[in-house]
PDB file of N, CA and C in Angstrom:
ATOM      1  N   MET A   1       9.848 -20.464   3.223  1.00  0.00           N
ATOM      2  CA  MET A   1       9.571 -19.033   3.140  1.00  0.00           C
ATOM      3  C   MET A   1       8.114 -18.858   2.703  1.00  0.00           C
ATOM      4  N   PRO A   2       7.351 -17.963   3.376  1.00  0.00           N
ATOM      5  CA  PRO A   2       5.958 -17.764   2.982  1.00  0.00           C
ATOM      6  C   PRO A   2       5.850 -17.114   1.614  1.00  0.00           C
ATOM      7  N   GLU A   3       4.804 -17.465   0.896  1.00  0.00           N
ATOM      8  CA  GLU A   3       4.577 -16.916  -0.440  1.00  0.00           C
ATOM      9  C   GLU A   3       4.134 -15.457  -0.337  1.00  0.00           C
ATOM     10  N   GLU A   4       4.622 -14.635  -1.254  1.00  0.00           N
ATOM     11  CA  GLU A   4       4.219 -13.225  -1.304  1.00  0.00           C
ATOM     12  C   GLU A   4       2.745 -13.121  -1.660  1.00  0.00           C
ATOM     13  N   PRO A   5       2.033 -12.165  -1.059  1.00  0.00           N
ATOM     14  CA  PRO A   5       0.631 -11.981  -1.447  1.00  0.00           C
ATOM     15  C   PRO A   5       0.540 -11.607  -2.926  1.00  0.00           C
ATOM     16  N   THR A   6      -0.454 -12.123  -3.570  1.00  0.00           N
ATOM     17  CA  THR A   6      -0.636 -11.810  -4.978  1.00  0.00           C
ATOM     18  C   THR A   6      -1.265 -10.434  -5.125  1.00  0.00           C
ATOM     19  N   THR A   7      -1.183  -9.913  -6.325  1.00  0.00           N
ATOM     20  CA  THR A   7      -1.846  -8.650  -6.632  1.00  0.00           C
ATOM     21  C   THR A   7      -3.330  -8.749  -6.321  1.00  0.00           C
ATOM     22  N   THR A   8      -3.911  -9.908  -6.596  1.00  0.00           N
ATOM     23  CA  THR A   8      -5.335 -10.122  -6.336  1.00  0.00           C
ATOM     24  C   THR A   8      -5.649  -9.960  -4.850  1.00  0.00           C
ATOM     25  N   THR A   9      -4.782 -10.458  -3.984  1.00  0.00           N
ATOM     26  CA  THR A   9      -4.980 -10.342  -2.542  1.00  0.00           C
ATOM     27  C   THR A   9      -4.902  -8.888  -2.096  1.00  0.00           C
ATOM     28  N   VAL A  10      -3.938  -8.148  -2.631  1.00  0.00           N
ATOM     29  CA  VAL A  10      -3.806  -6.734  -2.287  1.00  0.00           C
ATOM     30  C   VAL A  10      -5.024  -5.961  -2.779  1.00  0.00           C
ATOM     31  N   LEU A  11      -5.465  -6.241  -3.998  1.00  0.00           N
ATOM     32  CA  LEU A  11      -6.660  -5.569  -4.534  1.00  0.00           C
ATOM     33  C   LEU A  11      -7.898  -5.880  -3.696  1.00  0.00           C
ATOM     34  N   ALA A  12      -8.039  -7.115  -3.264  1.00  0.00           N
ATOM     35  CA  ALA A  12      -9.184  -7.488  -2.430  1.00  0.00           C
ATOM     36  C   ALA A  12      -9.152  -6.726  -1.103  1.00  0.00           C
ATOM     37  N   TYR A  13      -7.978  -6.531  -0.555  1.00  0.00           N
ATOM     38  CA  TYR A  13      -7.861  -5.789   0.704  1.00  0.00           C
ATOM     39  C   TYR A  13      -8.243  -4.318   0.487  1.00  0.00           C
ATOM     40  N   LEU A  14      -7.743  -3.715  -0.590  1.00  0.00           N
ATOM     41  CA  LEU A  14      -8.084  -2.323  -0.886  1.00  0.00           C
ATOM     42  C   LEU A  14      -9.586  -2.162  -1.108  1.00  0.00           C
ATOM     43  N   ARG A  15     -10.195  -3.139  -1.761  1.00  0.00           N
ATOM     44  CA  ARG A  15     -11.627  -3.086  -2.056  1.00  0.00           C
ATOM     45  C   ARG A  15     -12.454  -2.967  -0.768  1.00  0.00           C
ATOM     46  N   ARG A  16     -12.003  -3.615   0.299  1.00  0.00           N
ATOM     47  CA  ARG A  16     -12.788  -3.578   1.536  1.00  0.00           C
ATOM     48  C   ARG A  16     -12.264  -2.592   2.587  1.00  0.00           C
ATOM     49  N   MET A  17     -11.204  -1.835   2.242  1.00  0.00           N
ATOM     50  CA  MET A  17     -10.700  -0.823   3.171  1.00  0.00           C
ATOM     51  C   MET A  17     -11.724   0.310   3.277  1.00  0.00           C
ATOM     52  N   PRO A  18     -12.123   0.668   4.510  1.00  0.00           N
ATOM     53  CA  PRO A  18     -13.125   1.727   4.679  1.00  0.00           C
ATOM     54  C   PRO A  18     -12.714   3.035   3.991  1.00  0.00           C
ATOM     55  N   GLY A  19     -13.589   3.546   3.168  1.00  0.00           N
ATOM     56  CA  GLY A  19     -13.374   4.826   2.514  1.00  0.00           C
ATOM     57  C   GLY A  19     -12.463   4.802   1.309  1.00  0.00           C
ATOM     58  N   TYR A  20     -11.865   3.652   0.993  1.00  0.00           N
ATOM     59  CA  TYR A  20     -10.966   3.598  -0.159  1.00  0.00           C
ATOM     60  C   TYR A  20     -11.794   3.646  -1.441  1.00  0.00           C
ATOM     61  N   PRO A  21     -11.462   4.543  -2.363  1.00  0.00           N
ATOM     62  CA  PRO A  21     -12.253   4.696  -3.594  1.00  0.00           C
ATOM     63  C   PRO A  21     -11.877   3.652  -4.650  1.00  0.00           C
ATOM     64  N   PHE A  22     -12.139   2.404  -4.356  1.00  0.00           N
ATOM     65  CA  PHE A  22     -11.689   1.314  -5.236  1.00  0.00           C
ATOM     66  C   PHE A  22     -12.287   1.445  -6.619  1.00  0.00           C
ATOM     67  N   ASP A  23     -11.414   1.327  -7.606  1.00  0.00           N
ATOM     68  CA  ASP A  23     -11.804   1.323  -9.015  1.00  0.00           C
ATOM     69  C   ASP A  23     -10.826   0.375  -9.711  1.00  0.00           C
ATOM     70  N   ALA A  24     -11.303  -0.761 -10.134  1.00  0.00           N
ATOM     71  CA  ALA A  24     -10.430  -1.784 -10.712  1.00  0.00           C
ATOM     72  C   ALA A  24      -9.592  -1.247 -11.868  1.00  0.00           C
ATOM     73  N   SER A  25     -10.160  -0.365 -12.681  1.00  0.00           N
ATOM     74  CA  SER A  25      -9.415   0.150 -13.840  1.00  0.00           C
ATOM     75  C   SER A  25      -8.243   1.036 -13.412  1.00  0.00           C
ATOM     76  N   ILE A  26      -8.305   1.600 -12.238  1.00  0.00           N
ATOM     77  CA  ILE A  26      -7.202   2.416 -11.709  1.00  0.00           C
ATOM     78  C   ILE A  26      -6.316   1.575 -10.796  1.00  0.00           C
ATOM     79  N   ASP A  27      -6.938   0.775  -9.937  1.00  0.00           N
ATOM     80  CA  ASP A  27      -6.181   0.084  -8.897  1.00  0.00           C
ATOM     81  C   ASP A  27      -5.387  -1.117  -9.388  1.00  0.00           C
ATOM     82  N   GLU A  28      -5.827  -1.780 -10.440  1.00  0.00           N
ATOM     83  CA  GLU A  28      -5.029  -2.888 -10.963  1.00  0.00           C
ATOM     84  C   GLU A  28      -3.659  -2.404 -11.450  1.00  0.00           C
ATOM     85  N   PRO A  29      -3.581  -1.365 -12.300  1.00  0.00           N
ATOM     86  CA  PRO A  29      -2.245  -0.890 -12.676  1.00  0.00           C
ATOM     87  C   PRO A  29      -1.507  -0.216 -11.514  1.00  0.00           C
ATOM     88  N   PHE A  30      -2.243   0.407 -10.592  1.00  0.00           N
ATOM     89  CA  PHE A  30      -1.626   1.044  -9.420  1.00  0.00           C
ATOM     90  C   PHE A  30      -0.885   0.000  -8.579  1.00  0.00           C
ATOM     91  N   VAL A  31      -1.559  -1.099  -8.267  1.00  0.00           N
ATOM     92  CA  VAL A  31      -0.939  -2.137  -7.437  1.00  0.00           C
ATOM     93  C   VAL A  31       0.206  -2.815  -8.192  1.00  0.00           C
ATOM     94  N   ALA A  32       0.060  -3.023  -9.489  1.00  0.00           N
ATOM     95  CA  ALA A  32       1.147  -3.610 -10.281  1.00  0.00           C
ATOM     96  C   ALA A  32       2.377  -2.700 -10.252  1.00  0.00           C
ATOM     97  N   GLU A  33       2.154  -1.398 -10.354  1.00  0.00           N
ATOM     98  CA  GLU A  33       3.271  -0.450 -10.290  1.00  0.00           C
ATOM     99  C   GLU A  33       3.915  -0.461  -8.908  1.00  0.00           C
ATOM    100  N   LEU A  34       3.093  -0.497  -7.860  1.00  0.00           N
ATOM    101  CA  LEU A  34       3.641  -0.570  -6.504  1.00  0.00           C
ATOM    102  C   LEU A  34       4.485  -1.829  -6.330  1.00  0.00           C
ATOM    103  N   ALA A  35       4.001  -2.950  -6.847  1.00  0.00           N
ATOM    104  CA  ALA A  35       4.745  -4.214  -6.729  1.00  0.00           C
ATOM    105  C   ALA A  35       6.100  -4.116  -7.419  1.00  0.00           C
ATOM    106  N   ASP A  36       6.163  -3.437  -8.558  1.00  0.00           N
ATOM    107  CA  ASP A  36       7.436  -3.250  -9.257  1.00  0.00           C
ATOM    108  C   ASP A  36       8.344  -2.273  -8.511  1.00  0.00           C
ATOM    109  N   ASP A  37       7.782  -1.143  -8.091  1.00  0.00           N
ATOM    110  CA  ASP A  37       8.589  -0.091  -7.476  1.00  0.00           C
ATOM    111  C   ASP A  37       9.056  -0.425  -6.064  1.00  0.00           C
ATOM    112  N   PHE A  38       8.288  -1.245  -5.362  1.00  0.00           N
ATOM    113  CA  PHE A  38       8.606  -1.554  -3.967  1.00  0.00           C
ATOM    114  C   PHE A  38       8.739  -3.062  -3.766  1.00  0.00           C
ATOM    115  N   ALA A  39       9.421  -3.713  -4.692  1.00  0.00           N
ATOM    116  CA  ALA A  39       9.547  -5.179  -4.684  1.00  0.00           C
ATOM    117  C   ALA A  39      10.073  -5.752  -3.366  1.00  0.00           C
ATOM    118  N   PRO A  40      11.015  -5.100  -2.681  1.00  0.00           N
ATOM    119  CA  PRO A  40      11.511  -5.715  -1.444  1.00  0.00           C
ATOM    120  C   PRO A  40      10.486  -5.720  -0.295  1.00  0.00           C
ATOM    121  N   LEU A  41       9.435  -4.927  -0.418  1.00  0.00           N
ATOM    122  CA  LEU A  41       8.459  -4.810   0.668  1.00  0.00           C
ATOM    123  C   LEU A  41       7.315  -5.806   0.509  1.00  0.00           C
ATOM    124  N   ASP A  42       6.724  -6.170   1.626  1.00  0.00           N
ATOM    125  CA  ASP A  42       5.499  -6.962   1.638  1.00  0.00           C
ATOM    126  C   ASP A  42       4.347  -5.960   1.509  1.00  0.00           C
ATOM    127  N   LEU A  43       3.817  -5.809   0.293  1.00  0.00           N
ATOM    128  CA  LEU A  43       2.799  -4.788   0.043  1.00  0.00           C
ATOM    129  C   LEU A  43       1.579  -4.933   0.934  1.00  0.00           C
ATOM    130  N   LEU A  44       1.075  -6.137   1.059  1.00  0.00           N
ATOM    131  CA  LEU A  44      -0.129  -6.336   1.855  1.00  0.00           C
ATOM    132  C   LEU A  44       0.112  -5.932   3.304  1.00  0.00           C
ATOM    133  N   GLU A  45       1.210  -6.348   3.871  1.00  0.00           N
ATOM    134  CA  GLU A  45       1.512  -6.002   5.264  1.00  0.00           C
ATOM    135  C   GLU A  45       1.671  -4.499   5.436  1.00  0.00           C
ATOM    136  N   GLN A  46       2.324  -3.841   4.486  1.00  0.00           N
ATOM    137  CA  GLN A  46       2.515  -2.388   4.575  1.00  0.00           C
ATOM    138  C   GLN A  46       1.194  -1.638   4.431  1.00  0.00           C
ATOM    139  N   ILE A  47       0.323  -2.091   3.548  1.00  0.00           N
ATOM    140  CA  ILE A  47      -0.977  -1.429   3.381  1.00  0.00           C
ATOM    141  C   ILE A  47      -1.834  -1.639   4.624  1.00  0.00           C
ATOM    142  N   LYS A  48      -1.739  -2.822   5.233  1.00  0.00           N
ATOM    143  CA  LYS A  48      -2.442  -3.042   6.502  1.00  0.00           C
ATOM    144  C   LYS A  48      -1.892  -2.112   7.583  1.00  0.00           C
ATOM    145  N   ALA A  49      -0.580  -1.977   7.653  1.00  0.00           N
ATOM    146  CA  ALA A  49       0.027  -1.079   8.644  1.00  0.00           C
ATOM    147  C   ALA A  49      -0.417   0.358   8.400  1.00  0.00           C
ATOM    148  N   PHE A  50      -0.456   0.775   7.136  1.00  0.00           N
ATOM    149  CA  PHE A  50      -0.929   2.116   6.791  1.00  0.00           C
ATOM    150  C   PHE A  50      -2.352   2.329   7.284  1.00  0.00           C
ATOM    151  N   ARG A  51      -3.206   1.361   7.001  1.00  0.00           N
ATOM    152  CA  ARG A  51      -4.611   1.476   7.406  1.00  0.00           C
ATOM    153  C   ARG A  51      -4.734   1.616   8.916  1.00  0.00           C
ATOM    154  N   TRP A  52      -4.107   0.715   9.655  1.00  0.00           N
ATOM    155  CA  TRP A  52      -4.303   0.702  11.106  1.00  0.00           C
ATOM    156  C   TRP A  52      -3.511   1.787  11.818  1.00  0.00           C
ATOM    157  N   HIS A  53      -2.485   2.308  11.185  1.00  0.00           N
ATOM    158  CA  HIS A  53      -1.791   3.477  11.740  1.00  0.00           C
ATOM    159  C   HIS A  53      -2.745   4.669  11.792  1.00  0.00           C
ATOM    160  N   HIS A  54      -3.678   4.681  10.879  1.00  0.00           N
ATOM    161  CA  HIS A  54      -4.672   5.756  10.805  1.00  0.00           C
ATOM    162  C   HIS A  54      -6.017   5.299  11.360  1.00  0.00           C
ATOM    163  N   ASP A  55      -5.961   4.540  12.452  1.00  0.00           N
ATOM    164  CA  ASP A  55      -7.148   4.109  13.196  1.00  0.00           C
ATOM    165  C   ASP A  55      -8.157   3.346  12.348  1.00  0.00           C
ATOM    166  N   GLY A  56      -7.689   2.613  11.377  1.00  0.00           N
ATOM    167  CA  GLY A  56      -8.563   1.772  10.576  1.00  0.00           C
ATOM    168  C   GLY A  56      -9.334   2.491   9.489  1.00  0.00           C
ATOM    169  N   ASP A  57      -9.248   3.819   9.439  1.00  0.00           N
ATOM    170  CA  ASP A  57     -10.012   4.582   8.445  1.00  0.00           C
ATOM    171  C   ASP A  57      -9.165   5.726   7.900  1.00  0.00           C
ATOM    172  N   PRO A  58      -8.158   5.410   7.053  1.00  0.00           N
ATOM    173  CA  PRO A  58      -7.279   6.464   6.551  1.00  0.00           C
ATOM    174  C   PRO A  58      -7.990   7.485   5.673  1.00  0.00           C
ATOM    175  N   ALA A  59      -9.174   7.172   5.168  1.00  0.00           N
ATOM    176  CA  ALA A  59      -9.900   8.121   4.317  1.00  0.00           C
ATOM    177  C   ALA A  59     -10.251   9.391   5.084  1.00  0.00           C
ATOM    178  N   ARG A  60     -10.340   9.314   6.394  1.00  0.00           N
ATOM    179  CA  ARG A  60     -10.615  10.518   7.205  1.00  0.00           C
ATOM    180  C   ARG A  60      -9.419  11.460   7.234  1.00  0.00           C
ATOM    181  N   HIS A  61      -8.221  10.933   6.986  1.00  0.00           N
ATOM    182  CA  HIS A  61      -6.992  11.706   7.149  1.00  0.00           C
ATOM    183  C   HIS A  61      -6.409  12.256   5.849  1.00  0.00           C
ATOM    184  N   PHE A  62      -6.810  11.705   4.718  1.00  0.00           N
ATOM    185  CA  PHE A  62      -6.198  12.079   3.446  1.00  0.00           C
ATOM    186  C   PHE A  62      -7.254  12.383   2.399  1.00  0.00           C
ATOM    187  N   LYS A  63      -6.964  13.373   1.584  1.00  0.00           N
ATOM    188  CA  LYS A  63      -7.859  13.687   0.473  1.00  0.00           C
ATOM    189  C   LYS A  63      -7.757  12.620  -0.615  1.00  0.00           C
ATOM    190  N   SER A  64      -6.545  12.122  -0.828  1.00  0.00           N
ATOM    191  CA  SER A  64      -6.319  11.108  -1.864  1.00  0.00           C
ATOM    192  C   SER A  64      -5.473   9.980  -1.269  1.00  0.00           C
ATOM    193  N   LEU A  65      -6.040   8.787  -1.238  1.00  0.00           N
ATOM    194  CA  LEU A  65      -5.362   7.676  -0.575  1.00  0.00           C
ATOM    195  C   LEU A  65      -4.233   7.051  -1.392  1.00  0.00           C
ATOM    196  N   ARG A  66      -4.348   7.040  -2.703  1.00  0.00           N
ATOM    197  CA  ARG A  66      -3.293   6.392  -3.494  1.00  0.00           C
ATOM    198  C   ARG A  66      -1.935   7.077  -3.306  1.00  0.00           C
ATOM    199  N   PRO A  67      -1.839   8.400  -3.409  1.00  0.00           N
ATOM    200  CA  PRO A  67      -0.544   9.027  -3.140  1.00  0.00           C
ATOM    201  C   PRO A  67      -0.084   8.828  -1.694  1.00  0.00           C
ATOM    202  N   ALA A  68      -1.011   8.791  -0.753  1.00  0.00           N
ATOM    203  CA  ALA A  68      -0.644   8.569   0.649  1.00  0.00           C
ATOM    204  C   ALA A  68      -0.055   7.169   0.840  1.00  0.00           C
ATOM    205  N   ILE A  69      -0.641   6.175   0.191  1.00  0.00           N
ATOM    206  CA  ILE A  69      -0.102   4.815   0.271  1.00  0.00           C
ATOM    207  C   ILE A  69       1.283   4.772  -0.357  1.00  0.00           C
ATOM    208  N   ARG A  70       1.436   5.431  -1.495  1.00  0.00           N
ATOM    209  CA  ARG A  70       2.741   5.448  -2.165  1.00  0.00           C
ATOM    210  C   ARG A  70       3.808   6.097  -1.282  1.00  0.00           C
ATOM    211  N   ARG A  71       3.463   7.214  -0.628  1.00  0.00           N
ATOM    212  CA  ARG A  71       4.413   7.864   0.289  1.00  0.00           C
ATOM    213  C   ARG A  71       4.755   6.945   1.462  1.00  0.00           C
ATOM    214  N   TRP A  72       3.744   6.243   2.002  1.00  0.00           N
ATOM    215  CA  TRP A  72       3.974   5.306   3.098  1.00  0.00           C
ATOM    216  C   TRP A  72       4.988   4.234   2.676  1.00  0.00           C
ATOM    217  N   LEU A  73       4.779   3.671   1.491  1.00  0.00           N
ATOM    218  CA  LEU A  73       5.677   2.634   1.003  1.00  0.00           C
ATOM    219  C   LEU A  73       7.077   3.181   0.757  1.00  0.00           C
ATOM    220  N   ALA A  74       7.162   4.388   0.233  1.00  0.00           N
ATOM    221  CA  ALA A  74       8.477   4.998  -0.014  1.00  0.00           C
ATOM    222  C   ALA A  74       9.238   5.181   1.297  1.00  0.00           C
ATOM    223  N   SER A  75       8.528   5.557   2.349  1.00  0.00           N
ATOM    224  CA  SER A  75       9.204   5.751   3.634  1.00  0.00           C
ATOM    225  C   SER A  75       9.546   4.419   4.298  1.00  0.00           C
ATOM    226  N   ALA A  76       8.865   3.345   3.921  1.00  0.00           N
ATOM    227  CA  ALA A  76       9.133   2.027   4.488  1.00  0.00           C
ATOM    228  C   ALA A  76      10.277   1.315   3.770  1.00  0.00           C
ATOM    229  N   ARG A  77      10.622   1.816   2.595  1.00  0.00           N
ATOM    230  CA  ARG A  77      11.680   1.182   1.806  1.00  0.00           C
ATOM    231  C   ARG A  77      13.002   1.274   2.556  1.00  0.00           C
ATOM    232  N   PRO A  78      13.745   0.180   2.620  1.00  0.00           N
ATOM    233  CA  PRO A  78      15.038   0.220   3.311  1.00  0.00           C
ATOM    234  C   PRO A  78      15.977   1.230   2.654  1.00  0.00           C
ATOM    235  N   SER A  79      16.708   1.932   3.465  1.00  0.00           N
ATOM    236  CA  SER A  79      17.643   2.929   2.967  1.00  0.00           C
ATOM    237  C   SER A  79      19.054   2.352   2.952  1.00  0.00           C
ATOM    238  N   ASN A  80      19.757   2.667   1.910  1.00  0.00           N
ATOM    239  CA  ASN A  80      21.162   2.221   1.819  1.00  0.00           C
ATOM    240  C   ASN A  80      22.121   3.319   2.243  1.00  0.00           C
ATOM    241  N   ARG A  81      21.556   4.391   2.823  1.00  0.00           N
ATOM    242  CA  ARG A  81      22.394   5.514   3.236  1.00  0.00           C
ATOM    243  C   ARG A  81      23.130   5.187   4.531  1.00  0.00           C
ATOM    244  N   GLU A  82      24.251   5.816   4.690  1.00  0.00           N
ATOM    245  CA  GLU A  82      24.985   5.753   5.941  1.00  0.00           C
ATOM    246  C   GLU A  82      24.294   6.687   6.936  1.00  0.00           C
ATOM    247  N   PRO A  83      24.262   6.351   8.208  1.00  0.00           N
ATOM    248  CA  PRO A  83      23.550   7.202   9.169  1.00  0.00           C
ATOM    249  C   PRO A  83      24.188   8.575   9.363  1.00  0.00           C
ATOM    250  N   PHE A  84      25.466   8.720   9.045  1.00  0.00           N
ATOM    251  CA  PHE A  84      26.137  10.024   9.228  1.00  0.00           C
ATOM    252  C   PHE A  84      26.847  10.431   7.973  1.00  0.00           C
TER     253      PHE A  84
END
C-alpha cells in the first residue's frame, strides 16, 4: 500500500499553488486539522483535483481558498447515507 502524503508534502504543494495565500502559521494547523477531519481521504490528491478542476488557478474563482478547499473535501468524503 502506498504511503500517505505527509503534512509537509501537502504544505509544499499549497506553497506553490498559484494564488494560494500561503502562510505557515495558518496553514500548518489548517492542514493538520484537515488531516484529522478528513482522514479517509488522500489530502494531496484531493487538493490537486481541486486545483485542476478550477483550471489550475482556483484563486481566480474564490475569495478565500481555505474554506473552498474545506468544502471540496467535505463533498469528497464518502457518504454512509442510503440513496433513497
